[in-house]
PDB file of N, CA and C in Angstrom:
ATOM      1  N   MET A   1     144.326  35.106  21.944  1.00  0.00           N
ATOM      2  CA  MET A   1     144.519  36.055  23.025  1.00  0.00           C
ATOM      3  C   MET A   1     143.167  36.579  23.508  1.00  0.00           C
ATOM      4  N   GLU A   2     143.068  36.739  24.785  1.00  0.00           N
ATOM      5  CA  GLU A   2     141.881  37.319  25.403  1.00  0.00           C
ATOM      6  C   GLU A   2     141.680  38.734  24.869  1.00  0.00           C
ATOM      7  N   LYS A   3     140.426  39.140  24.748  1.00  0.00           N
ATOM      8  CA  LYS A   3     140.128  40.514  24.376  1.00  0.00           C
ATOM      9  C   LYS A   3     139.285  41.153  25.467  1.00  0.00           C
ATOM     10  N   VAL A   4     139.687  42.336  25.864  1.00  0.00           N
ATOM     11  CA  VAL A   4     138.953  43.167  26.808  1.00  0.00           C
ATOM     12  C   VAL A   4     138.828  44.504  26.094  1.00  0.00           C
ATOM     13  N   ILE A   5     137.692  44.714  25.446  1.00  0.00           N
ATOM     14  CA  ILE A   5     137.543  45.846  24.546  1.00  0.00           C
ATOM     15  C   ILE A   5     137.118  47.110  25.295  1.00  0.00           C
ATOM     16  N   ALA A   6     137.908  48.158  25.095  1.00  0.00           N
ATOM     17  CA  ALA A   6     137.635  49.465  25.686  1.00  0.00           C
ATOM     18  C   ALA A   6     136.521  50.170  24.918  1.00  0.00           C
ATOM     19  N   CYS A   7     136.037  51.257  25.434  1.00  0.00           N
ATOM     20  CA  CYS A   7     134.992  52.040  24.770  1.00  0.00           C
ATOM     21  C   CYS A   7     135.398  52.402  23.346  1.00  0.00           C
ATOM     22  N   CYS A   8     136.661  52.713  23.146  1.00  0.00           N
ATOM     23  CA  CYS A   8     137.176  53.148  21.846  1.00  0.00           C
ATOM     24  C   CYS A   8     137.526  51.987  20.929  1.00  0.00           C
ATOM     25  N   GLY A   9     137.544  50.778  21.468  1.00  0.00           N
ATOM     26  CA  GLY A   9     137.868  49.607  20.672  1.00  0.00           C
ATOM     27  C   GLY A   9     139.252  49.041  20.916  1.00  0.00           C
ATOM     28  N   LEU A  10     140.105  49.777  21.620  1.00  0.00           N
ATOM     29  CA  LEU A  10     141.422  49.227  21.934  1.00  0.00           C
ATOM     30  C   LEU A  10     141.246  47.974  22.795  1.00  0.00           C
ATOM     31  N   ASN A  11     142.162  47.038  22.639  1.00  0.00           N
ATOM     32  CA  ASN A  11     142.113  45.802  23.408  1.00  0.00           C
ATOM     33  C   ASN A  11     142.927  45.979  24.687  1.00  0.00           C
ATOM     34  N   CYS A  12     142.253  46.200  25.790  1.00  0.00           N
ATOM     35  CA  CYS A  12     142.932  46.411  27.069  1.00  0.00           C
ATOM     36  C   CYS A  12     143.762  45.194  27.486  1.00  0.00           C
ATOM     37  N   ALA A  13     143.376  44.008  27.033  1.00  0.00           N
ATOM     38  CA  ALA A  13     144.111  42.801  27.410  1.00  0.00           C
ATOM     39  C   ALA A  13     145.546  42.838  26.889  1.00  0.00           C
ATOM     40  N   ALA A  14     145.790  43.614  25.838  1.00  0.00           N
ATOM     41  CA  ALA A  14     147.133  43.724  25.268  1.00  0.00           C
ATOM     42  C   ALA A  14     147.902  44.928  25.819  1.00  0.00           C
ATOM     43  N   CYS A  15     147.269  45.712  26.676  1.00  0.00           N
ATOM     44  CA  CYS A  15     147.880  46.933  27.211  1.00  0.00           C
ATOM     45  C   CYS A  15     148.875  46.600  28.321  1.00  0.00           C
ATOM     46  N   GLU A  16     150.055  47.206  28.228  1.00  0.00           N
ATOM     47  CA  GLU A  16     151.106  46.955  29.214  1.00  0.00           C
ATOM     48  C   GLU A  16     150.695  47.382  30.619  1.00  0.00           C
ATOM     49  N   ALA A  17     149.899  48.438  30.724  1.00  0.00           N
ATOM     50  CA  ALA A  17     149.453  48.879  32.049  1.00  0.00           C
ATOM     51  C   ALA A  17     148.545  47.830  32.686  1.00  0.00           C
ATOM     52  N   ARG A  18     147.637  47.272  31.903  1.00  0.00           N
ATOM     53  CA  ARG A  18     146.735  46.243  32.441  1.00  0.00           C
ATOM     54  C   ARG A  18     147.517  44.973  32.794  1.00  0.00           C
ATOM     55  N   ILE A  19     148.427  44.584  31.921  1.00  0.00           N
ATOM     56  CA  ILE A  19     149.234  43.387  32.170  1.00  0.00           C
ATOM     57  C   ILE A  19     150.049  43.562  33.456  1.00  0.00           C
ATOM     58  N   ALA A  20     150.664  44.735  33.614  1.00  0.00           N
ATOM     59  CA  ALA A  20     151.449  45.010  34.826  1.00  0.00           C
ATOM     60  C   ALA A  20     150.562  44.988  36.070  1.00  0.00           C
ATOM     61  N   THR A  21     149.352  45.519  35.940  1.00  0.00           N
ATOM     62  CA  THR A  21     148.428  45.563  37.074  1.00  0.00           C
ATOM     63  C   THR A  21     147.964  44.164  37.455  1.00  0.00           C
ATOM     64  N   ILE A  22     147.511  43.411  36.471  1.00  0.00           N
ATOM     65  CA  ILE A  22     146.994  42.059  36.726  1.00  0.00           C
ATOM     66  C   ILE A  22     148.077  41.158  37.327  1.00  0.00           C
ATOM     67  N   ASN A  23     149.311  41.307  36.826  1.00  0.00           N
ATOM     68  CA  ASN A  23     150.417  40.455  37.291  1.00  0.00           C
ATOM     69  C   ASN A  23     151.227  41.086  38.429  1.00  0.00           C
ATOM     70  N   ASN A  24     150.831  42.280  38.874  1.00  0.00           N
ATOM     71  CA  ASN A  24     151.574  43.021  39.891  1.00  0.00           C
ATOM     72  C   ASN A  24     153.072  43.052  39.558  1.00  0.00           C
ATOM     73  N   ASP A  25     153.363  43.454  38.336  1.00  0.00           N
ATOM     74  CA  ASP A  25     154.716  43.426  37.780  1.00  0.00           C
ATOM     75  C   ASP A  25     155.335  44.826  37.809  1.00  0.00           C
ATOM     76  N   ASP A  26     156.108  45.093  38.857  1.00  0.00           N
ATOM     77  CA  ASP A  26     156.719  46.415  39.018  1.00  0.00           C
ATOM     78  C   ASP A  26     157.755  46.716  37.943  1.00  0.00           C
ATOM     79  N   GLU A  27     158.442  45.713  37.447  1.00  0.00           N
ATOM     80  CA  GLU A  27     159.425  45.946  36.387  1.00  0.00           C
ATOM     81  C   GLU A  27     158.716  46.397  35.102  1.00  0.00           C
ATOM     82  N   LEU A  28     157.604  45.764  34.765  1.00  0.00           N
ATOM     83  CA  LEU A  28     156.840  46.177  33.585  1.00  0.00           C
ATOM     84  C   LEU A  28     156.268  47.574  33.784  1.00  0.00           C
ATOM     85  N   ARG A  29     155.853  47.907  35.001  1.00  0.00           N
ATOM     86  CA  ARG A  29     155.387  49.275  35.277  1.00  0.00           C
ATOM     87  C   ARG A  29     156.500  50.281  34.989  1.00  0.00           C
ATOM     88  N   LYS A  30     157.704  49.961  35.419  1.00  0.00           N
ATOM     89  CA  LYS A  30     158.843  50.860  35.221  1.00  0.00           C
ATOM     90  C   LYS A  30     159.141  51.032  33.729  1.00  0.00           C
ATOM     91  N   VAL A  31     159.198  49.941  32.998  1.00  0.00           N
ATOM     92  CA  VAL A  31     159.482  49.979  31.558  1.00  0.00           C
ATOM     93  C   VAL A  31     158.375  50.742  30.828  1.00  0.00           C
ATOM     94  N   THR A  32     157.139  50.472  31.193  1.00  0.00           N
ATOM     95  CA  THR A  32     155.999  51.128  30.547  1.00  0.00           C
ATOM     96  C   THR A  32     155.993  52.623  30.820  1.00  0.00           C
ATOM     97  N   ALA A  33     156.264  53.022  32.042  1.00  0.00           N
ATOM     98  CA  ALA A  33     156.313  54.446  32.382  1.00  0.00           C
ATOM     99  C   ALA A  33     157.373  55.154  31.553  1.00  0.00           C
ATOM    100  N   GLU A  34     158.535  54.556  31.428  1.00  0.00           N
ATOM    101  CA  GLU A  34     159.601  55.171  30.632  1.00  0.00           C
ATOM    102  C   GLU A  34     159.195  55.306  29.171  1.00  0.00           C
ATOM    103  N   LYS A  35     158.585  54.266  28.633  1.00  0.00           N
ATOM    104  CA  LYS A  35     158.160  54.294  27.235  1.00  0.00           C
ATOM    105  C   LYS A  35     157.058  55.332  27.024  1.00  0.00           C
ATOM    106  N   TRP A  36     156.081  55.366  27.917  1.00  0.00           N
ATOM    107  CA  TRP A  36     154.945  56.269  27.760  1.00  0.00           C
ATOM    108  C   TRP A  36     155.331  57.731  27.959  1.00  0.00           C
ATOM    109  N   LYS A  37     156.394  57.996  28.717  1.00  0.00           N
ATOM    110  CA  LYS A  37     156.872  59.372  28.861  1.00  0.00           C
ATOM    111  C   LYS A  37     157.103  59.984  27.487  1.00  0.00           C
ATOM    112  N   THR A  38     157.717  59.215  26.613  1.00  0.00           N
ATOM    113  CA  THR A  38     158.043  59.685  25.271  1.00  0.00           C
ATOM    114  C   THR A  38     156.849  59.582  24.335  1.00  0.00           C
ATOM    115  N   ILE A  39     156.238  58.410  24.269  1.00  0.00           N
ATOM    116  CA  ILE A  39     155.143  58.175  23.324  1.00  0.00           C
ATOM    117  C   ILE A  39     154.002  59.160  23.534  1.00  0.00           C
ATOM    118  N   TYR A  40     153.613  59.373  24.778  1.00  0.00           N
ATOM    119  CA  TYR A  40     152.454  60.201  25.084  1.00  0.00           C
ATOM    120  C   TYR A  40     152.827  61.589  25.617  1.00  0.00           C
ATOM    121  N   ASN A  41     154.125  61.904  25.593  1.00  0.00           N
ATOM    122  CA  ASN A  41     154.620  63.208  26.033  1.00  0.00           C
ATOM    123  C   ASN A  41     154.123  63.553  27.440  1.00  0.00           C
ATOM    124  N   VAL A  42     154.400  62.622  28.357  1.00  0.00           N
ATOM    125  CA  VAL A  42     154.041  62.816  29.763  1.00  0.00           C
ATOM    126  C   VAL A  42     155.332  62.673  30.575  1.00  0.00           C
ATOM    127  N   PRO A  43     156.116  63.753  30.668  1.00  0.00           N
ATOM    128  CA  PRO A  43     157.428  63.653  31.315  1.00  0.00           C
ATOM    129  C   PRO A  43     157.395  63.251  32.779  1.00  0.00           C
ATOM    130  N   ASP A  44     156.270  63.469  33.458  1.00  0.00           N
ATOM    131  CA  ASP A  44     156.210  63.111  34.879  1.00  0.00           C
ATOM    132  C   ASP A  44     155.576  61.735  35.120  1.00  0.00           C
ATOM    133  N   MET A  45     155.441  60.922  34.070  1.00  0.00           N
ATOM    134  CA  MET A  45     154.889  59.566  34.209  1.00  0.00           C
ATOM    135  C   MET A  45     155.807  58.748  35.105  1.00  0.00           C
ATOM    136  N   SER A  46     155.213  58.103  36.101  1.00  0.00           N
ATOM    137  CA  SER A  46     156.004  57.287  37.020  1.00  0.00           C
ATOM    138  C   SER A  46     155.461  55.864  37.039  1.00  0.00           C
ATOM    139  N   PRO A  47     156.259  54.904  37.461  1.00  0.00           N
ATOM    140  CA  PRO A  47     155.775  53.524  37.555  1.00  0.00           C
ATOM    141  C   PRO A  47     154.536  53.394  38.445  1.00  0.00           C
ATOM    142  N   GLU A  48     154.435  54.230  39.458  1.00  0.00           N
ATOM    143  CA  GLU A  48     153.289  54.178  40.363  1.00  0.00           C
ATOM    144  C   GLU A  48     151.986  54.557  39.657  1.00  0.00           C
ATOM    145  N   MET A  49     152.087  55.252  38.552  1.00  0.00           N
ATOM    146  CA  MET A  49     150.907  55.667  37.792  1.00  0.00           C
ATOM    147  C   MET A  49     150.409  54.566  36.852  1.00  0.00           C
ATOM    148  N   ILE A  50     151.202  53.529  36.672  1.00  0.00           N
ATOM    149  CA  ILE A  50     150.854  52.446  35.745  1.00  0.00           C
ATOM    150  C   ILE A  50     150.048  51.392  36.487  1.00  0.00           C
ATOM    151  N   ASN A  51     148.762  51.651  36.600  1.00  0.00           N
ATOM    152  CA  ASN A  51     147.818  50.742  37.259  1.00  0.00           C
ATOM    153  C   ASN A  51     146.467  50.904  36.589  1.00  0.00           C
ATOM    154  N   CYS A  52     145.987  49.843  35.957  1.00  0.00           N
ATOM    155  CA  CYS A  52     144.694  49.900  35.287  1.00  0.00           C
ATOM    156  C   CYS A  52     144.210  48.482  34.992  1.00  0.00           C
ATOM    157  N   THR A  53     142.931  48.252  35.210  1.00  0.00           N
ATOM    158  CA  THR A  53     142.354  46.950  34.889  1.00  0.00           C
ATOM    159  C   THR A  53     141.588  46.986  33.568  1.00  0.00           C
ATOM    160  N   GLY A  54     141.485  48.165  32.960  1.00  0.00           N
ATOM    161  CA  GLY A  54     140.730  48.340  31.717  1.00  0.00           C
ATOM    162  C   GLY A  54     139.561  49.269  31.957  1.00  0.00           C
ATOM    163  N   CYS A  55     139.230  50.080  30.955  1.00  0.00           N
ATOM    164  CA  CYS A  55     138.226  51.130  31.191  1.00  0.00           C
ATOM    165  C   CYS A  55     136.823  50.597  31.429  1.00  0.00           C
ATOM    166  N   ARG A  56     136.536  49.386  31.012  1.00  0.00           N
ATOM    167  CA  ARG A  56     135.198  48.832  31.221  1.00  0.00           C
ATOM    168  C   ARG A  56     135.187  47.722  32.267  1.00  0.00           C
ATOM    169  N   GLU A  57     136.297  47.543  32.952  1.00  0.00           N
ATOM    170  CA  GLU A  57     136.432  46.496  33.965  1.00  0.00           C
ATOM    171  C   GLU A  57     136.428  47.117  35.357  1.00  0.00           C
ATOM    172  N   GLU A  58     136.030  46.339  36.337  1.00  0.00           N
ATOM    173  CA  GLU A  58     136.101  46.792  37.728  1.00  0.00           C
ATOM    174  C   GLU A  58     137.570  46.958  38.116  1.00  0.00           C
ATOM    175  N   GLY A  59     137.828  47.879  38.995  1.00  0.00           N
ATOM    176  CA  GLY A  59     139.179  48.028  39.522  1.00  0.00           C
ATOM    177  C   GLY A  59     139.804  49.376  39.216  1.00  0.00           C
ATOM    178  N   VAL A  60     141.075  49.458  39.481  1.00  0.00           N
ATOM    179  CA  VAL A  60     141.850  50.683  39.356  1.00  0.00           C
ATOM    180  C   VAL A  60     141.926  51.131  37.890  1.00  0.00           C
ATOM    181  N   LYS A  61     142.015  52.438  37.679  1.00  0.00           N
ATOM    182  CA  LYS A  61     142.090  53.023  36.339  1.00  0.00           C
ATOM    183  C   LYS A  61     143.273  53.970  36.240  1.00  0.00           C
ATOM    184  N   LEU A  62     143.793  54.115  35.023  1.00  0.00           N
ATOM    185  CA  LEU A  62     144.790  55.147  34.765  1.00  0.00           C
ATOM    186  C   LEU A  62     144.160  56.509  35.023  1.00  0.00           C
ATOM    187  N   GLY A  63     144.956  57.492  35.354  1.00  0.00           N
ATOM    188  CA  GLY A  63     144.450  58.835  35.628  1.00  0.00           C
ATOM    189  C   GLY A  63     143.660  59.428  34.486  1.00  0.00           C
ATOM    190  N   HIS A  64     144.015  59.086  33.264  1.00  0.00           N
ATOM    191  CA  HIS A  64     143.335  59.618  32.086  1.00  0.00           C
ATOM    192  C   HIS A  64     141.880  59.160  32.005  1.00  0.00           C
ATOM    193  N   TRP A  65     141.555  58.035  32.609  1.00  0.00           N
ATOM    194  CA  TRP A  65     140.219  57.452  32.518  1.00  0.00           C
ATOM    195  C   TRP A  65     139.128  58.456  32.875  1.00  0.00           C
ATOM    196  N   SER A  66     139.314  59.182  33.957  1.00  0.00           N
ATOM    197  CA  SER A  66     138.265  60.091  34.438  1.00  0.00           C
ATOM    198  C   SER A  66     137.978  61.232  33.473  1.00  0.00           C
ATOM    199  N   MET A  67     138.934  61.560  32.616  1.00  0.00           N
ATOM    200  CA  MET A  67     138.720  62.661  31.680  1.00  0.00           C
ATOM    201  C   MET A  67     138.696  62.213  30.217  1.00  0.00           C
ATOM    202  N   CYS A  68     138.658  60.930  29.967  1.00  0.00           N
ATOM    203  CA  CYS A  68     138.635  60.414  28.594  1.00  0.00           C
ATOM    204  C   CYS A  68     137.333  60.823  27.914  1.00  0.00           C
ATOM    205  N   GLN A  69     137.426  61.705  26.942  1.00  0.00           N
ATOM    206  CA  GLN A  69     136.244  62.222  26.262  1.00  0.00           C
ATOM    207  C   GLN A  69     135.489  61.140  25.488  1.00  0.00           C
ATOM    208  N   ILE A  70     136.209  60.150  24.992  1.00  0.00           N
ATOM    209  CA  ILE A  70     135.561  59.053  24.279  1.00  0.00           C
ATOM    210  C   ILE A  70     134.681  58.261  25.239  1.00  0.00           C
ATOM    211  N   ARG A  71     135.219  57.889  26.387  1.00  0.00           N
ATOM    212  CA  ARG A  71     134.461  57.144  27.381  1.00  0.00           C
ATOM    213  C   ARG A  71     133.283  57.959  27.890  1.00  0.00           C
ATOM    214  N   ILE A  72     133.508  59.236  28.148  1.00  0.00           N
ATOM    215  CA  ILE A  72     132.450  60.112  28.646  1.00  0.00           C
ATOM    216  C   ILE A  72     131.323  60.225  27.621  1.00  0.00           C
ATOM    217  N   CYS A  73     131.668  60.382  26.356  1.00  0.00           N
ATOM    218  CA  CYS A  73     130.665  60.487  25.296  1.00  0.00           C
ATOM    219  C   CYS A  73     129.846  59.205  25.197  1.00  0.00           C
ATOM    220  N   ALA A  74     130.524  58.065  25.153  1.00  0.00           N
ATOM    221  CA  ALA A  74     129.805  56.783  25.053  1.00  0.00           C
ATOM    222  C   ALA A  74     128.857  56.604  26.238  1.00  0.00           C
ATOM    223  N   ALA A  75     129.337  56.888  27.431  1.00  0.00           N
ATOM    224  CA  ALA A  75     128.508  56.735  28.628  1.00  0.00           C
ATOM    225  C   ALA A  75     127.312  57.686  28.600  1.00  0.00           C
ATOM    226  N   SER A  76     127.525  58.914  28.114  1.00  0.00           N
ATOM    227  CA  SER A  76     126.431  59.893  28.077  1.00  0.00           C
ATOM    228  C   SER A  76     125.320  59.458  27.122  1.00  0.00           C
ATOM    229  N   LYS A  77     125.676  58.639  26.136  1.00  0.00           N
ATOM    230  CA  LYS A  77     124.691  58.135  25.175  1.00  0.00           C
ATOM    231  C   LYS A  77     124.141  56.764  25.590  1.00  0.00           C
ATOM    232  N   GLY A  78     124.627  56.246  26.722  1.00  0.00           N
ATOM    233  CA  GLY A  78     124.161  54.961  27.215  1.00  0.00           C
ATOM    234  C   GLY A  78     124.806  53.769  26.516  1.00  0.00           C
ATOM    235  N   PHE A  79     125.959  53.989  25.873  1.00  0.00           N
ATOM    236  CA  PHE A  79     126.644  52.926  25.151  1.00  0.00           C
ATOM    237  C   PHE A  79     127.804  52.383  25.972  1.00  0.00           C
ATOM    238  N   GLU A  80     128.030  51.072  25.872  1.00  0.00           N
ATOM    239  CA  GLU A  80     129.213  50.472  26.497  1.00  0.00           C
ATOM    240  C   GLU A  80     130.449  50.779  25.669  1.00  0.00           C
ATOM    241  N   THR A  81     130.280  50.790  24.339  1.00  0.00           N
ATOM    242  CA  THR A  81     131.389  51.117  23.437  1.00  0.00           C
ATOM    243  C   THR A  81     130.882  52.029  22.334  1.00  0.00           C
ATOM    244  N   CYS A  82     131.802  52.617  21.622  1.00  0.00           N
ATOM    245  CA  CYS A  82     131.455  53.476  20.489  1.00  0.00           C
ATOM    246  C   CYS A  82     130.879  52.672  19.330  1.00  0.00           C
ATOM    247  N   GLY A  83     131.052  51.372  19.349  1.00  0.00           N
ATOM    248  CA  GLY A  83     130.517  50.528  18.294  1.00  0.00           C
ATOM    249  C   GLY A  83     129.000  50.563  18.217  1.00  0.00           C
ATOM    250  N   SER A  84     128.336  50.999  19.274  1.00  0.00           N
ATOM    251  CA  SER A  84     126.875  51.100  19.275  1.00  0.00           C
ATOM    252  C   SER A  84     126.378  52.430  18.724  1.00  0.00           C
ATOM    253  N   CYS A  85     127.295  53.336  18.458  1.00  0.00           N
ATOM    254  CA  CYS A  85     126.936  54.690  18.033  1.00  0.00           C
ATOM    255  C   CYS A  85     126.858  54.784  16.508  1.00  0.00           C
ATOM    256  N   ASN A  86     125.778  55.343  16.011  1.00  0.00           N
ATOM    257  CA  ASN A  86     125.612  55.529  14.568  1.00  0.00           C
ATOM    258  C   ASN A  86     126.588  56.550  13.996  1.00  0.00           C
ATOM    259  N   GLU A  87     127.198  57.365  14.845  1.00  0.00           N
ATOM    260  CA  GLU A  87     128.122  58.403  14.403  1.00  0.00           C
ATOM    261  C   GLU A  87     129.589  57.963  14.441  1.00  0.00           C
ATOM    262  N   MET A  88     129.852  56.702  14.768  1.00  0.00           N
ATOM    263  CA  MET A  88     131.237  56.250  14.929  1.00  0.00           C
ATOM    264  C   MET A  88     132.098  56.523  13.689  1.00  0.00           C
ATOM    265  N   GLU A  89     131.569  56.277  12.527  1.00  0.00           N
ATOM    266  CA  GLU A  89     132.359  56.423  11.289  1.00  0.00           C
ATOM    267  C   GLU A  89     132.810  57.858  11.040  1.00  0.00           C
ATOM    268  N   THR A  90     132.068  58.839  11.548  1.00  0.00           N
ATOM    269  CA  THR A  90     132.396  60.244  11.287  1.00  0.00           C
ATOM    270  C   THR A  90     132.814  61.003  12.550  1.00  0.00           C
ATOM    271  N   CYS A  91     132.968  60.308  13.646  1.00  0.00           N
ATOM    272  CA  CYS A  91     133.260  60.938  14.936  1.00  0.00           C
ATOM    273  C   CYS A  91     134.692  61.475  15.006  1.00  0.00           C
ATOM    274  N   SER A  92     134.815  62.746  15.344  1.00  0.00           N
ATOM    275  CA  SER A  92     136.140  63.360  15.454  1.00  0.00           C
ATOM    276  C   SER A  92     136.863  62.948  16.740  1.00  0.00           C
ATOM    277  N   LEU A  93     136.124  62.476  17.748  1.00  0.00           N
ATOM    278  CA  LEU A  93     136.769  62.026  18.984  1.00  0.00           C
ATOM    279  C   LEU A  93     137.511  60.714  18.784  1.00  0.00           C
ATOM    280  N   ILE A  94     136.872  59.785  18.091  1.00  0.00           N
ATOM    281  CA  ILE A  94     137.432  58.439  17.992  1.00  0.00           C
ATOM    282  C   ILE A  94     138.313  58.238  16.761  1.00  0.00           C
ATOM    283  N   SER A  95     138.185  59.091  15.767  1.00  0.00           N
ATOM    284  CA  SER A  95     138.959  58.879  14.534  1.00  0.00           C
ATOM    285  C   SER A  95     140.472  58.843  14.753  1.00  0.00           C
ATOM    286  N   PRO A  96     141.039  59.640  15.663  1.00  0.00           N
ATOM    287  CA  PRO A  96     142.492  59.510  15.884  1.00  0.00           C
ATOM    288  C   PRO A  96     142.900  58.132  16.419  1.00  0.00           C
ATOM    289  N   ILE A  97     142.061  57.544  17.262  1.00  0.00           N
ATOM    290  CA  ILE A  97     142.346  56.206  17.782  1.00  0.00           C
ATOM    291  C   ILE A  97     142.313  55.201  16.644  1.00  0.00           C
ATOM    292  N   HIS A  98     141.309  55.292  15.809  1.00  0.00           N
ATOM    293  CA  HIS A  98     141.160  54.332  14.713  1.00  0.00           C
ATOM    294  C   HIS A  98     142.194  54.544  13.618  1.00  0.00           C
ATOM    295  N   SER A  99     142.710  55.759  13.483  1.00  0.00           N
ATOM    296  CA  SER A  99     143.821  55.993  12.552  1.00  0.00           C
ATOM    297  C   SER A  99     145.097  55.352  13.085  1.00  0.00           C
ATOM    298  N   PHE A 100     145.305  55.481  14.384  1.00  0.00           N
ATOM    299  CA  PHE A 100     146.475  54.922  15.061  1.00  0.00           C
ATOM    300  C   PHE A 100     146.385  53.405  15.145  1.00  0.00           C
ATOM    301  N   SER A 101     145.164  52.892  15.382  1.00  0.00           N
ATOM    302  CA  SER A 101     144.957  51.456  15.567  1.00  0.00           C
ATOM    303  C   SER A 101     143.703  50.993  14.822  1.00  0.00           C
ATOM    304  N   PRO A 102     143.843  50.642  13.547  1.00  0.00           N
ATOM    305  CA  PRO A 102     142.688  50.138  12.797  1.00  0.00           C
ATOM    306  C   PRO A 102     142.057  48.914  13.462  1.00  0.00           C
ATOM    307  N   GLU A 103     142.850  48.156  14.212  1.00  0.00           N
ATOM    308  CA  GLU A 103     142.316  46.993  14.920  1.00  0.00           C
ATOM    309  C   GLU A 103     141.232  47.412  15.916  1.00  0.00           C
ATOM    310  N   ALA A 104     141.386  48.600  16.506  1.00  0.00           N
ATOM    311  CA  ALA A 104     140.390  49.090  17.465  1.00  0.00           C
ATOM    312  C   ALA A 104     139.027  49.232  16.791  1.00  0.00           C
ATOM    313  N   LYS A 105     139.026  49.779  15.593  1.00  0.00           N
ATOM    314  CA  LYS A 105     137.761  49.926  14.858  1.00  0.00           C
ATOM    315  C   LYS A 105     137.174  48.550  14.534  1.00  0.00           C
ATOM    316  N   ASN A 106     138.021  47.636  14.100  1.00  0.00           N
ATOM    317  CA  ASN A 106     137.559  46.278  13.811  1.00  0.00           C
ATOM    318  C   ASN A 106     136.979  45.612  15.051  1.00  0.00           C
ATOM    319  N   ASN A 107     137.610  45.841  16.199  1.00  0.00           N
ATOM    320  CA  ASN A 107     137.094  45.271  17.448  1.00  0.00           C
ATOM    321  C   ASN A 107     135.675  45.763  17.710  1.00  0.00           C
ATOM    322  N   LEU A 108     135.432  47.051  17.490  1.00  0.00           N
ATOM    323  CA  LEU A 108     134.096  47.597  17.728  1.00  0.00           C
ATOM    324  C   LEU A 108     133.080  47.066  16.736  1.00  0.00           C
ATOM    325  N   LEU A 109     133.495  46.899  15.501  1.00  0.00           N
ATOM    326  CA  LEU A 109     132.583  46.390  14.485  1.00  0.00           C
ATOM    327  C   LEU A 109     132.215  44.933  14.740  1.00  0.00           C
ATOM    328  N   ASN A 110     133.118  44.206  15.391  1.00  0.00           N
ATOM    329  CA  ASN A 110     132.890  42.781  15.646  1.00  0.00           C
ATOM    330  C   ASN A 110     132.296  42.481  17.011  1.00  0.00           C
ATOM    331  N   VAL A 111     132.318  43.453  17.928  1.00  0.00           N
ATOM    332  CA  VAL A 111     131.801  43.231  19.283  1.00  0.00           C
ATOM    333  C   VAL A 111     130.322  43.580  19.357  1.00  0.00           C
ATOM    334  N   ASN A 112     129.923  44.607  18.639  1.00  0.00           N
ATOM    335  CA  ASN A 112     128.541  45.096  18.769  1.00  0.00           C
ATOM    336  C   ASN A 112     127.653  44.597  17.665  1.00  0.00           C
TER     337      ASN A 112
END
């Protein structure tokens, strides 16, 4: 499978929002919006909000992108990903992501 690694290490290529965007799949947008309403506690999530090419790729971004503290921190330090940061192992911003998805941490360790 293709990998498109986000700043935090998540694989955007496996993200339903990116897949729906790349394939212009309105049904997947609808299913994803319904699922994310519950998972991420965003009751006003709509299919129209499910558009993203990945946080490090050109193109449209999810609304959260502009305020993502992980992305903002990495960019402020001049890093493409958190894998370049010496503080990654102890970082309180990224640790919840890596607890939720150990694969994300592995992606960063293997990309940088």
